[in-house]
């Protein structure tokens, strides 16, 4: 038990120091060596936890995906349209709150999706989560059955990421959520 606690603490320390350095210097300007010096560990220890620097960001994205599950669970009431809107709103709030870090994770998630023949697992998990919601609504006869759930989910995930990618620093939070809502409204008209 003590060993597992120590391993968890080491991994958290690596992430904490890496994120701090990413924020200070920019992701591209930070080396594994700098991270290990900040943590007071050997390079080999770093590689026991993360095969590459990029995997730190993918781990952060995994944490973000765990939050997605909490958010989905929180929004159990209302129409599917309203629930997805609330889910996107909450995810957007988290993204904007941690913009400087999550921007790097989003970039690495996109790179990972491009490099992988099967796509990013995090993007797939997001899509699968929405697809499950949609499928439940279809089973309750409150959502049209003519559309495949995974296809609708892919479009919705695309809207979310499209808005984040096209976001600029001069657009405030309310405007960004309004952009997502307008796009959801347009797509929803075609779905229903």
C-alpha atoms as a PDB file:
ATOM      1  CA  UNK A   1       0.000   0.000   0.000  1.00  0.00           C
ATOM      2  CA  UNK A   2       2.837   2.387   0.859  1.00  0.00           C
ATOM      3  CA  UNK A   3       4.525   1.638  -2.455  1.00  0.00           C
ATOM      4  CA  UNK A   4       1.338   2.412  -4.415  1.00  0.00           C
ATOM      5  CA  UNK A   5       0.905   5.666  -2.492  1.00  0.00           C
ATOM      6  CA  UNK A   6       4.495   6.631  -3.303  1.00  0.00           C
ATOM      7  CA  UNK A   7       3.989   5.839  -6.998  1.00  0.00           C
ATOM      8  CA  UNK A   8       0.821   7.931  -7.089  1.00  0.00           C
ATOM      9  CA  UNK A   9       2.588  10.838  -5.355  1.00  0.00           C
ATOM     10  CA  UNK A  10       5.496  10.657  -7.807  1.00  0.00           C
ATOM     11  CA  UNK A  11       3.161  10.678 -10.808  1.00  0.00           C
ATOM     12  CA  UNK A  12       1.222  13.629  -9.374  1.00  0.00           C
ATOM     13  CA  UNK A  13       4.491  15.495  -8.692  1.00  0.00           C
ATOM     14  CA  UNK A  14       5.641  14.949 -12.271  1.00  0.00           C
ATOM     15  CA  UNK A  15       2.340  16.249 -13.585  1.00  0.00           C
ATOM     16  CA  UNK A  16       2.261  19.210 -11.221  1.00  0.00           C
ATOM     17  CA  UNK A  17       5.779  20.343 -12.071  1.00  0.00           C
ATOM     18  CA  UNK A  18       5.327  19.705 -15.782  1.00  0.00           C
ATOM     19  CA  UNK A  19       2.109  21.706 -15.908  1.00  0.00           C
ATOM     20  CA  UNK A  20       3.736  24.557 -14.001  1.00  0.00           C
ATOM     21  CA  UNK A  21       6.617  24.587 -16.483  1.00  0.00           C
ATOM     22  CA  UNK A  22       4.241  24.352 -19.470  1.00  0.00           C
ATOM     23  CA  UNK A  23       2.374  27.403 -18.191  1.00  0.00           C
ATOM     24  CA  UNK A  24       5.583  29.352 -17.546  1.00  0.00           C
ATOM     25  CA  UNK A  25       7.558  28.510 -20.668  1.00  0.00           C
ATOM     26  CA  UNK A  26       5.094  27.042 -23.115  1.00  0.00           C
ATOM     27  CA  UNK A  27       4.705  23.348 -23.798  1.00  0.00           C
ATOM     28  CA  UNK A  28       7.117  23.197 -26.735  1.00  0.00           C
ATOM     29  CA  UNK A  29       9.876  24.939 -24.749  1.00  0.00           C
ATOM     30  CA  UNK A  30       9.932  22.472 -21.844  1.00  0.00           C
ATOM     31  CA  UNK A  31      12.170  19.400 -21.911  1.00  0.00           C
ATOM     32  CA  UNK A  32      11.828  16.159 -19.994  1.00  0.00           C
ATOM     33  CA  UNK A  33      15.111  17.035 -18.293  1.00  0.00           C
ATOM     34  CA  UNK A  34      13.649  20.287 -16.967  1.00  0.00           C
ATOM     35  CA  UNK A  35      10.656  18.414 -15.609  1.00  0.00           C
ATOM     36  CA  UNK A  36      12.833  15.832 -13.877  1.00  0.00           C
ATOM     37  CA  UNK A  37      15.045  18.530 -12.341  1.00  0.00           C
ATOM     38  CA  UNK A  38      11.967  20.356 -11.038  1.00  0.00           C
ATOM     39  CA  UNK A  39      10.702  17.083  -9.528  1.00  0.00           C
ATOM     40  CA  UNK A  40      14.060  15.979  -8.195  1.00  0.00           C
ATOM     41  CA  UNK A  41      13.877  12.641  -9.991  1.00  0.00           C
ATOM     42  CA  UNK A  42      15.973  10.801 -12.563  1.00  0.00           C
ATOM     43  CA  UNK A  43      14.984  10.727 -16.230  1.00  0.00           C
ATOM     44  CA  UNK A  44      14.439   6.978 -15.966  1.00  0.00           C
ATOM     45  CA  UNK A  45      11.883   7.561 -13.227  1.00  0.00           C
ATOM     46  CA  UNK A  46      10.018   9.980 -15.494  1.00  0.00           C
ATOM     47  CA  UNK A  47       9.881   7.373 -18.247  1.00  0.00           C
ATOM     48  CA  UNK A  48       8.524   4.781 -15.793  1.00  0.00           C
ATOM     49  CA  UNK A  49       5.402   6.950 -15.587  1.00  0.00           C
ATOM     50  CA  UNK A  50       5.200   8.629 -18.998  1.00  0.00           C
ATOM     51  CA  UNK A  51       6.721   7.223 -22.211  1.00  0.00           C
ATOM     52  CA  UNK A  52       6.952  10.745 -23.680  1.00  0.00           C
ATOM     53  CA  UNK A  53       6.329  14.312 -22.584  1.00  0.00           C
ATOM     54  CA  UNK A  54       3.129  14.288 -24.654  1.00  0.00           C
ATOM     55  CA  UNK A  55       1.654  11.592 -22.426  1.00  0.00           C
ATOM     56  CA  UNK A  56       1.443  14.061 -19.549  1.00  0.00           C
ATOM     57  CA  UNK A  57      -1.063  16.041 -21.580  1.00  0.00           C
ATOM     58  CA  UNK A  58      -2.953  12.922 -22.570  1.00  0.00           C
ATOM     59  CA  UNK A  59      -3.169  11.990 -18.881  1.00  0.00           C
ATOM     60  CA  UNK A  60      -4.598  15.439 -18.118  1.00  0.00           C
ATOM     61  CA  UNK A  61      -7.134  14.861 -20.885  1.00  0.00           C
ATOM     62  CA  UNK A  62      -8.075  11.547 -19.258  1.00  0.00           C
ATOM     63  CA  UNK A  63      -8.804  13.481 -16.073  1.00  0.00           C
ATOM     64  CA  UNK A  64     -10.923  15.896 -18.111  1.00  0.00           C
ATOM     65  CA  UNK A  65     -12.821  12.905 -19.485  1.00  0.00           C
ATOM     66  CA  UNK A  66     -13.459  11.669 -15.935  1.00  0.00           C
ATOM     67  CA  UNK A  67     -15.028  15.070 -15.258  1.00  0.00           C
ATOM     68  CA  UNK A  68     -17.203  14.536 -18.323  1.00  0.00           C
ATOM     69  CA  UNK A  69     -18.718  11.466 -16.697  1.00  0.00           C
ATOM     70  CA  UNK A  70     -19.468  13.453 -13.531  1.00  0.00           C
ATOM     71  CA  UNK A  71     -21.038  16.243 -15.568  1.00  0.00           C
ATOM     72  CA  UNK A  72     -23.174  13.815 -17.583  1.00  0.00           C
ATOM     73  CA  UNK A  73     -24.368  12.195 -14.359  1.00  0.00           C
ATOM     74  CA  UNK A  74     -25.203  15.631 -12.946  1.00  0.00           C
ATOM     75  CA  UNK A  75     -27.501  16.449 -15.886  1.00  0.00           C
ATOM     76  CA  UNK A  76     -30.077  13.673 -15.784  1.00  0.00           C
ATOM     77  CA  UNK A  77     -33.214  15.826 -16.049  1.00  0.00           C
ATOM     78  CA  UNK A  78     -34.761  17.595 -19.015  1.00  0.00           C
ATOM     79  CA  UNK A  79     -34.791  16.946 -22.723  1.00  0.00           C
ATOM     80  CA  UNK A  80     -31.758  15.457 -24.402  1.00  0.00           C
ATOM     81  CA  UNK A  81     -31.224  18.743 -26.201  1.00  0.00           C
ATOM     82  CA  UNK A  82     -31.162  20.660 -22.895  1.00  0.00           C
ATOM     83  CA  UNK A  83     -28.968  18.069 -21.208  1.00  0.00           C
ATOM     84  CA  UNK A  84     -26.353  18.188 -23.980  1.00  0.00           C
ATOM     85  CA  UNK A  85     -26.443  21.971 -23.915  1.00  0.00           C
ATOM     86  CA  UNK A  86     -25.800  21.922 -20.137  1.00  0.00           C
ATOM     87  CA  UNK A  87     -23.028  19.348 -20.531  1.00  0.00           C
ATOM     88  CA  UNK A  88     -21.314  21.476 -23.165  1.00  0.00           C
ATOM     89  CA  UNK A  89     -21.727  24.556 -21.006  1.00  0.00           C
ATOM     90  CA  UNK A  90     -20.090  22.865 -18.008  1.00  0.00           C
ATOM     91  CA  UNK A  91     -17.253  21.442 -20.123  1.00  0.00           C
ATOM     92  CA  UNK A  92     -16.695  24.837 -21.671  1.00  0.00           C
ATOM     93  CA  UNK A  93     -16.505  26.448 -18.222  1.00  0.00           C
ATOM     94  CA  UNK A  94     -13.804  23.966 -17.197  1.00  0.00           C
ATOM     95  CA  UNK A  95     -11.950  24.535 -20.458  1.00  0.00           C
ATOM     96  CA  UNK A  96     -12.011  28.301 -20.070  1.00  0.00           C
ATOM     97  CA  UNK A  97     -11.032  28.140 -16.413  1.00  0.00           C
ATOM     98  CA  UNK A  98      -7.926  26.111 -17.302  1.00  0.00           C
ATOM     99  CA  UNK A  99      -7.477  27.455 -20.827  1.00  0.00           C
ATOM    100  CA  UNK A 100      -3.691  27.750 -20.754  1.00  0.00           C
ATOM    101  CA  UNK A 101      -3.284  24.084 -19.814  1.00  0.00           C
ATOM    102  CA  UNK A 102      -6.210  22.556 -21.675  1.00  0.00           C
ATOM    103  CA  UNK A 103      -5.191  24.290 -24.906  1.00  0.00           C
ATOM    104  CA  UNK A 104      -2.034  22.167 -24.855  1.00  0.00           C
ATOM    105  CA  UNK A 105      -3.999  19.025 -24.059  1.00  0.00           C
ATOM    106  CA  UNK A 106      -6.448  19.724 -26.873  1.00  0.00           C
ATOM    107  CA  UNK A 107      -3.579  20.166 -29.321  1.00  0.00           C
ATOM    108  CA  UNK A 108      -1.996  16.887 -28.204  1.00  0.00           C
ATOM    109  CA  UNK A 109      -5.353  15.103 -28.346  1.00  0.00           C
ATOM    110  CA  UNK A 110      -5.776  16.290 -31.936  1.00  0.00           C
ATOM    111  CA  UNK A 111      -2.220  15.224 -32.832  1.00  0.00           C
ATOM    112  CA  UNK A 112      -2.857  11.853 -31.232  1.00  0.00           C
ATOM    113  CA  UNK A 113      -6.047  11.454 -33.274  1.00  0.00           C
ATOM    114  CA  UNK A 114      -4.172  12.280 -36.485  1.00  0.00           C
ATOM    115  CA  UNK A 115      -1.277   9.895 -35.701  1.00  0.00           C
ATOM    116  CA  UNK A 116      -3.546   7.046 -34.716  1.00  0.00           C
ATOM    117  CA  UNK A 117      -5.395   5.033 -37.336  1.00  0.00           C
ATOM    118  CA  UNK A 118      -8.253   4.543 -34.915  1.00  0.00           C
ATOM    119  CA  UNK A 119      -8.396   8.154 -33.659  1.00  0.00           C
ATOM    120  CA  UNK A 120      -7.977   9.606 -30.207  1.00  0.00           C
ATOM    121  CA  UNK A 121      -9.305   7.511 -27.382  1.00  0.00           C
ATOM    122  CA  UNK A 122     -10.347  10.660 -25.528  1.00  0.00           C
ATOM    123  CA  UNK A 123     -12.352  11.961 -28.446  1.00  0.00           C
ATOM    124  CA  UNK A 124     -13.867   8.499 -28.872  1.00  0.00           C
ATOM    125  CA  UNK A 125     -14.755   8.363 -25.172  1.00  0.00           C
ATOM    126  CA  UNK A 126     -16.467  11.755 -25.444  1.00  0.00           C
ATOM    127  CA  UNK A 127     -18.373  10.582 -28.499  1.00  0.00           C
ATOM    128  CA  UNK A 128     -19.289   7.240 -26.877  1.00  0.00           C
ATOM    129  CA  UNK A 129     -20.591   9.035 -23.787  1.00  0.00           C
ATOM    130  CA  UNK A 130     -22.889  11.204 -25.894  1.00  0.00           C
ATOM    131  CA  UNK A 131     -23.865   8.237 -28.052  1.00  0.00           C
ATOM    132  CA  UNK A 132     -24.950   6.349 -24.921  1.00  0.00           C
ATOM    133  CA  UNK A 133     -27.112   9.293 -23.853  1.00  0.00           C
ATOM    134  CA  UNK A 134     -28.704   9.457 -27.279  1.00  0.00           C
ATOM    135  CA  UNK A 135     -29.305   5.698 -27.378  1.00  0.00           C
ATOM    136  CA  UNK A 136     -31.089   5.828 -24.002  1.00  0.00           C
ATOM    137  CA  UNK A 137     -33.367   8.558 -25.318  1.00  0.00           C
ATOM    138  CA  UNK A 138     -34.103   6.491 -28.418  1.00  0.00           C
ATOM    139  CA  UNK A 139     -35.090   3.587 -26.202  1.00  0.00           C
ATOM    140  CA  UNK A 140     -37.426   5.905 -24.284  1.00  0.00           C
ATOM    141  CA  UNK A 141     -38.961   6.932 -27.626  1.00  0.00           C
ATOM    142  CA  UNK A 142     -38.096  10.583 -26.944  1.00  0.00           C
ATOM    143  CA  UNK A 143     -35.533  10.811 -29.743  1.00  0.00           C
ATOM    144  CA  UNK A 144     -35.938   9.966 -33.439  1.00  0.00           C
ATOM    145  CA  UNK A 145     -34.671   6.496 -34.301  1.00  0.00           C
ATOM    146  CA  UNK A 146     -33.810   7.349 -37.904  1.00  0.00           C
ATOM    147  CA  UNK A 147     -30.352   8.699 -36.990  1.00  0.00           C
ATOM    148  CA  UNK A 148     -27.549   6.464 -35.784  1.00  0.00           C
ATOM    149  CA  UNK A 149     -26.571   7.488 -32.255  1.00  0.00           C
ATOM    150  CA  UNK A 150     -22.836   7.395 -32.915  1.00  0.00           C
ATOM    151  CA  UNK A 151     -23.210   9.618 -35.996  1.00  0.00           C
ATOM    152  CA  UNK A 152     -25.234  12.210 -34.071  1.00  0.00           C
ATOM    153  CA  UNK A 153     -22.692  12.064 -31.238  1.00  0.00           C
ATOM    154  CA  UNK A 154     -19.822  12.592 -33.710  1.00  0.00           C
ATOM    155  CA  UNK A 155     -21.521  15.733 -35.035  1.00  0.00           C
ATOM    156  CA  UNK A 156     -22.113  17.059 -31.520  1.00  0.00           C
ATOM    157  CA  UNK A 157     -18.501  16.418 -30.489  1.00  0.00           C
ATOM    158  CA  UNK A 158     -17.417  18.136 -33.686  1.00  0.00           C
ATOM    159  CA  UNK A 159     -19.457  21.218 -32.774  1.00  0.00           C
ATOM    160  CA  UNK A 160     -17.855  21.366 -29.348  1.00  0.00           C
ATOM    161  CA  UNK A 161     -14.284  21.055 -30.609  1.00  0.00           C
ATOM    162  CA  UNK A 162     -14.915  23.342 -33.577  1.00  0.00           C
ATOM    163  CA  UNK A 163     -16.029  26.103 -31.233  1.00  0.00           C
ATOM    164  CA  UNK A 164     -13.028  25.660 -28.953  1.00  0.00           C
ATOM    165  CA  UNK A 165     -10.561  25.547 -31.833  1.00  0.00           C
ATOM    166  CA  UNK A 166     -12.016  28.668 -33.428  1.00  0.00           C
ATOM    167  CA  UNK A 167     -12.254  30.545 -30.144  1.00  0.00           C
ATOM    168  CA  UNK A 168     -10.168  33.657 -29.969  1.00  0.00           C
ATOM    169  CA  UNK A 169      -9.093  35.579 -26.910  1.00  0.00           C
ATOM    170  CA  UNK A 170     -11.379  38.504 -27.765  1.00  0.00           C
ATOM    171  CA  UNK A 171     -14.534  36.384 -27.421  1.00  0.00           C
ATOM    172  CA  UNK A 172     -15.900  36.234 -23.891  1.00  0.00           C
ATOM    173  CA  UNK A 173     -17.341  33.159 -22.189  1.00  0.00           C
ATOM    174  CA  UNK A 174     -20.957  34.117 -22.814  1.00  0.00           C
ATOM    175  CA  UNK A 175     -20.312  34.721 -26.505  1.00  0.00           C
ATOM    176  CA  UNK A 176     -18.541  31.375 -26.801  1.00  0.00           C
ATOM    177  CA  UNK A 177     -21.434  29.518 -25.171  1.00  0.00           C
ATOM    178  CA  UNK A 178     -23.827  31.422 -27.432  1.00  0.00           C
ATOM    179  CA  UNK A 179     -21.816  30.200 -30.439  1.00  0.00           C
ATOM    180  CA  UNK A 180     -22.087  26.587 -29.279  1.00  0.00           C
ATOM    181  CA  UNK A 181     -25.807  27.002 -28.556  1.00  0.00           C
ATOM    182  CA  UNK A 182     -26.499  28.448 -32.005  1.00  0.00           C
ATOM    183  CA  UNK A 183     -24.667  25.587 -33.678  1.00  0.00           C
ATOM    184  CA  UNK A 184     -26.508  23.040 -31.525  1.00  0.00           C
ATOM    185  CA  UNK A 185     -29.821  24.671 -32.439  1.00  0.00           C
ATOM    186  CA  UNK A 186     -29.032  24.506 -36.152  1.00  0.00           C
ATOM    187  CA  UNK A 187     -28.014  20.845 -35.974  1.00  0.00           C
ATOM    188  CA  UNK A 188     -30.895  19.902 -33.686  1.00  0.00           C
ATOM    189  CA  UNK A 189     -33.423  21.206 -36.204  1.00  0.00           C
ATOM    190  CA  UNK A 190     -32.049  18.657 -38.680  1.00  0.00           C
ATOM    191  CA  UNK A 191     -31.940  15.833 -36.125  1.00  0.00           C
ATOM    192  CA  UNK A 192     -35.508  16.185 -34.928  1.00  0.00           C
END
